[in-house]
Structures are given as structure tokens and as C-alpha cells.
Amino acid sequence: MEQMAFAERIVGRDVSGAPLFCDGAWGWAHVEAHRLLDAGRPEEGHRVLGAWLAGRDGAGSDWVHLQWHMAVFEIAVGRWTSASDRFVREILPAVSAGEAHTDAPALLWRLSLTSPAGVHIPWAPVRDAAIEGLRGVSSPYVELHHLLALAGAGDASSLNRWRSSAARDDSSLCGHVLTGMADGLCAFAAQDYSRAAVTLAATAPRVSRLGGSRAQNQLFELISQEARWRAEGTSVFASQLAA
């Protein structure tokens, strides 16, 4: 009853103004997950969303996205194996169906950046779905996540093929952001952290122009920060910053 009363009052926007799905009980859970994540309260988010998900089943992209939120809370409270298991159980089956183009690579990147050694990160099916997705027409934001999947899987050749494509307008804002992110992610995948840090620092703050919520776009800030941490102290990085 309390949840339904809240559901009548919710607004389908996060703190950055990004639109959220907010209809019905699933919508309440989604908005609440954003509210707690945006407020920096992952422990409470883990408890509240976990209790809501318990005993429920679902399917489709909205359900997958709720599972992504739960996994993000699990990572935040140090339950990396639980997040990995949730990915395999709830998100991976949706990858081939095209219902996890953004959530799947984003979650695997979060796991790869934060989890200790030994946590399974199954990049291959996500990379394969990204290759297939890049053959069709998609939004720039989804296209960015396809590139994210290629970089996570270490597929530099596919990233470079995308980069050399003549079908993209690099003069547009979307094209410029996508190209910059591709360059930075490719450098990160090649362990050229100095180049990745410089490129991502300039481009990652502009990802929100392509779409996504604050919670989703936080990942690109994390990747940029990680590249800088890995690059700091190197002479190459110092010279690139000075350039």
C-alpha cells in the first residue's frame, strides 16, 4: 500500500533529468533504485531492491534493467560474486535477444574494474552481440555500448574497423563523442593507459549528450578515473598532459 501510494507520486526522471520508466510496481522499483543510488545510499538500495525482487520473476528489457540496478548495488557493497551470478542468471539470457545492449557491457565493465581476481566475466557472448548490433542501425548511446563491449573483450581489430568506417559523421556532436570514446576505450584495452586517460578525460564528461541516466553514465567517469590511476606517474602521461 505504501509503495503504491509512492508510485502515484513518482516522477520519471533521475537527478540529472534523464527519463526513467516509472509505470506500475516495476516503475516504482526502478525510480526507487535510482533515488537511492543517486543519493549515495547503496546499502539501503541493496536492501530495498533486494527485498522487492525476492520471489518475483520477469522478462524483457525493463526486467533486465532492474537486475542491472541490483547488481550495481551488489558491487557497491562488495558482493561481486553475487553480481556475477546475477549477470549469468538474469542478464546473459537476454543478450542474444537484444534486450541487454547497454546493461550487459556496462555491468561487465563495472565488475572488471572493481572485483577481485577470480570473478568470472563472460565477455564473449556480449562481444558477439555487439558485433551483430553494429551491423544495424541503433541510437548513438546503444552504439557506444557496443563499442564498450568490444573494448571490454579486448577486440581491438573490431574497434579499429568501426573507427575507420566512412559511414559516420565525425563532425556531428554524436559522431565526435563516439569517436573520442572509441579512441579512449581502444587505448584502455591495449593497456595504453596514458593515452586512454587523456582521451577519456576530454570525452567521457560529454557522454550524457548521447543519452542515459546519471547512474548509467557514471560508468564512463569510472573508466576515465581508472585509466588515470593506472597512468599516473608515467613520463608519457606527463608529456601528454603538457601537450
Protein backbone atom coordinates (compact mmCIF):
# COMPACT_ATOMS: atom_id res chain seq x y z
CA MET A 1 0.00 0.00 0.00
CA GLU A 2 2.80 2.37 0.91
CA GLN A 3 4.64 1.51 -2.32
CA MET A 4 1.56 2.11 -4.46
CA ALA A 5 0.96 5.48 -2.79
CA PHE A 6 4.54 6.42 -3.60
CA ALA A 7 4.09 5.13 -7.17
CA GLU A 8 1.30 7.65 -7.72
CA ARG A 9 3.68 10.49 -6.84
CA ILE A 10 6.85 9.44 -8.62
CA VAL A 11 8.30 11.44 -11.47
CA GLY A 12 10.03 9.55 -14.25
CA ARG A 13 13.32 11.48 -14.08
CA ASP A 14 16.59 10.92 -12.27
CA VAL A 15 18.60 13.68 -10.61
CA SER A 16 20.17 14.64 -13.94
CA GLY A 17 16.77 14.94 -15.60
CA ALA A 18 17.13 11.73 -17.61
CA PRO A 19 13.77 9.98 -18.25
CA LEU A 20 13.07 6.73 -16.40
CA PHE A 21 10.42 4.09 -16.89
CA CYS A 22 8.10 4.58 -13.95
CA ASP A 23 4.78 2.77 -14.58
CA GLY A 24 3.39 0.27 -12.12
CA ALA A 25 5.26 -1.71 -9.50
CA TRP A 26 8.31 -2.22 -11.73
CA GLY A 27 8.39 1.54 -12.28
CA TRP A 28 8.31 2.18 -8.55
CA ALA A 29 11.24 -0.20 -8.04
CA HIS A 30 13.17 1.49 -10.86
CA VAL A 31 12.68 5.03 -9.59
CA GLU A 32 13.49 3.95 -6.04
CA ALA A 33 16.70 2.28 -7.22
CA HIS A 34 17.75 5.49 -8.95
CA ARG A 35 16.83 7.60 -5.94
CA LEU A 36 18.98 5.55 -3.58
CA LEU A 37 21.90 5.23 -6.00
CA ASP A 38 21.85 8.95 -6.80
CA ALA A 39 21.74 9.70 -3.07
CA GLY A 40 24.84 7.58 -2.44
CA ARG A 41 22.97 5.00 -0.35
CA PRO A 42 23.91 1.66 -1.95
CA GLU A 43 23.48 -0.37 1.24
CA GLU A 44 19.87 0.77 1.53
CA GLY A 45 19.38 0.23 -2.19
CA HIS A 46 20.71 -3.30 -1.86
CA ARG A 47 18.27 -3.99 0.95
CA VAL A 48 15.19 -2.32 -0.57
CA LEU A 49 15.53 -3.55 -4.16
CA GLY A 50 16.66 -6.98 -2.99
CA ALA A 51 13.55 -7.34 -0.85
CA TRP A 52 11.35 -6.18 -3.73
CA LEU A 53 12.91 -8.62 -6.21
CA ALA A 54 12.70 -11.58 -3.84
CA GLY A 55 10.12 -14.06 -5.08
CA ARG A 56 9.38 -12.11 -8.29
CA ASP A 57 10.01 -13.20 -11.86
CA GLY A 58 10.10 -11.20 -15.04
CA ALA A 59 11.41 -10.86 -18.58
CA GLY A 60 12.18 -8.18 -21.12
CA SER A 61 14.47 -5.16 -21.14
CA ASP A 62 12.83 -3.42 -18.16
CA TRP A 63 13.27 -6.51 -16.00
CA VAL A 64 16.88 -6.87 -17.14
CA HIS A 65 17.49 -3.24 -16.22
CA LEU A 66 16.14 -3.79 -12.71
CA GLN A 67 18.55 -6.72 -12.39
CA TRP A 68 21.35 -4.41 -13.53
CA HIS A 69 20.45 -1.99 -10.76
CA MET A 70 20.51 -4.80 -8.20
CA ALA A 71 23.89 -5.98 -9.45
CA VAL A 72 25.26 -2.43 -9.21
CA PHE A 73 24.16 -2.35 -5.55
CA GLU A 74 25.78 -5.76 -5.01
CA ILE A 75 29.07 -4.50 -6.45
CA ALA A 76 28.88 -1.38 -4.28
CA VAL A 77 28.57 -3.46 -1.10
CA GLY A 78 31.35 -5.86 -2.13
CA ARG A 79 29.21 -8.80 -3.23
CA TRP A 80 30.95 -9.28 -6.57
CA THR A 81 30.21 -12.98 -6.89
CA SER A 82 26.51 -12.32 -6.34
CA ALA A 83 26.60 -9.66 -9.06
CA SER A 84 28.38 -12.03 -11.43
CA ASP A 85 25.89 -14.81 -10.70
CA ARG A 86 23.02 -12.38 -11.28
CA PHE A 87 24.51 -11.42 -14.63
CA VAL A 88 24.69 -15.05 -15.73
CA ARG A 89 21.23 -15.88 -14.42
CA GLU A 90 19.21 -12.79 -15.34
CA ILE A 91 21.07 -10.69 -17.91
CA LEU A 92 23.09 -13.06 -20.07
CA PRO A 93 19.99 -14.91 -21.42
CA ALA A 94 18.71 -11.55 -22.70
CA VAL A 95 21.91 -10.70 -24.56
CA SER A 96 21.17 -12.70 -27.71
CA ALA A 97 17.57 -11.43 -27.68
CA GLY A 98 18.79 -7.85 -27.94
CA GLU A 99 17.35 -6.87 -24.56
CA ALA A 100 20.64 -6.04 -22.82
CA HIS A 101 22.63 -3.92 -25.28
CA THR A 102 23.51 -1.34 -22.62
CA ASP A 103 23.13 -3.26 -19.36
CA ALA A 104 25.31 -6.25 -20.25
CA PRO A 105 28.56 -4.48 -21.24
CA ALA A 106 28.07 -1.82 -18.57
CA LEU A 107 27.79 -4.40 -15.80
CA LEU A 108 30.76 -6.43 -17.01
CA TRP A 109 32.89 -3.28 -17.07
CA ARG A 110 31.86 -2.46 -13.51
CA LEU A 111 32.80 -5.98 -12.46
CA SER A 112 36.13 -5.88 -14.30
CA LEU A 113 37.05 -2.54 -12.72
CA THR A 114 36.13 -3.39 -9.14
CA SER A 115 36.04 -7.12 -8.48
CA PRO A 116 38.92 -9.18 -7.05
CA ALA A 117 40.62 -11.87 -9.11
CA GLY A 118 38.60 -14.99 -9.72
CA VAL A 119 35.24 -13.41 -10.53
CA HIS A 120 34.00 -14.79 -13.86
CA ILE A 121 33.44 -12.09 -16.51
CA PRO A 122 31.95 -13.69 -19.68
CA TRP A 123 32.80 -11.18 -22.40
CA ALA A 124 32.49 -13.46 -25.45
CA PRO A 125 28.67 -13.53 -25.86
CA VAL A 126 28.41 -9.81 -25.13
CA ARG A 127 31.10 -9.07 -27.70
CA ASP A 128 29.30 -11.26 -30.27
CA ALA A 129 26.03 -9.41 -29.65
CA ALA A 130 27.84 -6.09 -30.09
CA ILE A 131 29.30 -7.16 -33.43
CA GLU A 132 25.82 -8.11 -34.59
CA GLY A 133 24.35 -4.90 -33.23
CA LEU A 134 26.86 -2.72 -35.08
CA ARG A 135 25.63 -4.19 -38.38
CA GLY A 136 22.26 -2.48 -37.90
CA VAL A 137 21.02 0.98 -37.09
CA SER A 138 20.90 1.93 -33.42
CA SER A 139 20.93 5.03 -31.27
CA PRO A 140 24.32 6.63 -30.57
CA TYR A 141 24.01 5.62 -26.92
CA VAL A 142 23.47 1.96 -27.78
CA GLU A 143 26.29 2.17 -30.33
CA LEU A 144 28.58 3.46 -27.59
CA HIS A 145 27.77 0.39 -25.51
CA HIS A 146 28.57 -1.85 -28.45
CA LEU A 147 32.00 -0.21 -28.51
CA LEU A 148 32.22 -0.69 -24.76
CA ALA A 149 31.65 -4.42 -25.26
CA LEU A 150 34.38 -4.66 -27.90
CA ALA A 151 36.86 -2.85 -25.66
CA GLY A 152 35.98 -4.99 -22.66
CA ALA A 153 36.54 -8.11 -24.70
CA GLY A 154 39.87 -6.76 -25.96
CA ASP A 155 38.67 -6.80 -29.57
CA ALA A 156 40.88 -4.01 -30.90
CA SER A 157 40.52 -5.10 -34.52
CA SER A 158 36.73 -4.64 -34.48
CA LEU A 159 37.11 -1.29 -32.75
CA ASN A 160 39.57 -0.17 -35.39
CA ARG A 161 37.26 -1.33 -38.19
CA TRP A 162 34.48 0.72 -36.66
CA ARG A 163 36.84 3.68 -36.31
CA SER A 164 37.78 3.58 -39.98
CA SER A 165 34.17 3.39 -41.17
CA ALA A 166 33.26 6.08 -43.68
CA ALA A 167 29.55 5.94 -42.80
CA ARG A 168 29.84 8.05 -39.66
CA ASP A 169 29.80 11.85 -39.48
CA ASP A 170 32.62 12.81 -37.10
CA SER A 171 31.71 16.48 -37.40
CA SER A 172 28.45 15.97 -35.50
CA LEU A 173 28.38 16.04 -31.72
CA CYS A 174 27.35 12.38 -31.52
CA GLY A 175 29.97 11.32 -34.02
CA HIS A 176 32.67 13.29 -32.23
CA VAL A 177 31.81 11.82 -28.83
CA LEU A 178 31.59 8.28 -30.20
CA THR A 179 34.93 8.61 -31.99
CA GLY A 180 36.63 10.03 -28.91
CA MET A 181 35.24 7.29 -26.69
CA ALA A 182 36.29 4.64 -29.21
CA ASP A 183 39.83 6.02 -29.22
CA GLY A 184 39.96 6.09 -25.42
CA LEU A 185 38.46 2.64 -24.97
CA CYS A 186 40.75 1.17 -27.61
CA ALA A 187 43.77 2.63 -25.79
CA PHE A 188 42.49 1.26 -22.48
CA ALA A 189 42.04 -2.22 -24.00
CA ALA A 190 45.61 -2.03 -25.36
CA GLN A 191 46.84 -1.05 -21.86
CA ASP A 192 48.00 2.30 -23.19
CA TYR A 193 46.62 3.96 -20.08
CA SER A 194 48.36 7.29 -20.67
CA ARG A 195 46.61 7.84 -23.99
CA ALA A 196 43.37 6.42 -22.59
CA ALA A 197 43.46 8.80 -19.63
CA VAL A 198 43.99 11.89 -21.76
CA THR A 199 41.37 10.93 -24.34
CA LEU A 200 38.72 9.80 -21.89
CA ALA A 201 39.18 12.82 -19.63
CA ALA A 202 38.25 15.02 -22.58
CA THR A 203 35.38 12.88 -23.85
CA ALA A 204 33.72 10.94 -21.01
CA PRO A 205 32.07 14.05 -19.47
CA ARG A 206 30.22 14.55 -22.77
CA VAL A 207 28.65 11.08 -22.93
CA SER A 208 25.47 12.39 -21.32
CA ARG A 209 24.84 14.33 -24.54
CA LEU A 210 24.15 10.95 -26.16
CA GLY A 211 21.58 9.91 -23.55
CA GLY A 212 21.45 7.68 -20.49
CA SER A 213 20.83 8.33 -16.82
CA ARG A 214 23.29 9.62 -14.27
CA ALA A 215 23.60 6.09 -12.86
CA GLN A 216 24.45 4.70 -16.30
CA ASN A 217 26.87 7.44 -17.27
CA GLN A 218 28.75 7.21 -14.00
CA LEU A 219 30.49 4.19 -15.54
CA PHE A 220 32.30 6.32 -18.11
CA GLU A 221 33.62 8.54 -15.34
CA LEU A 222 34.84 5.41 -13.54
CA ILE A 223 36.66 4.15 -16.64
CA SER A 224 38.28 7.55 -17.13
CA GLN A 225 39.37 7.66 -13.48
CA GLU A 226 40.74 4.13 -13.66
CA ALA A 227 42.78 4.99 -16.75
CA ARG A 228 44.24 7.99 -14.96
CA TRP A 229 45.10 5.98 -11.84
CA ARG A 230 46.89 3.39 -13.95
CA ALA A 231 48.73 6.06 -15.92
CA GLU A 232 49.74 8.43 -13.13
CA GLY A 233 53.45 8.71 -12.51
CA THR A 234 54.48 7.73 -16.02
CA SER A 235 56.60 10.13 -18.03
CA VAL A 236 54.44 9.50 -21.10
CA PHE A 237 51.33 10.64 -19.23
CA ALA A 238 53.06 13.80 -18.01
CA SER A 239 54.14 14.74 -21.51
CA GLN A 240 50.67 14.09 -22.93
CA LEU A 241 49.07 16.29 -20.29
CA ALA A 242 51.51 19.07 -21.17
CA ALA A 243 50.82 18.79 -24.90
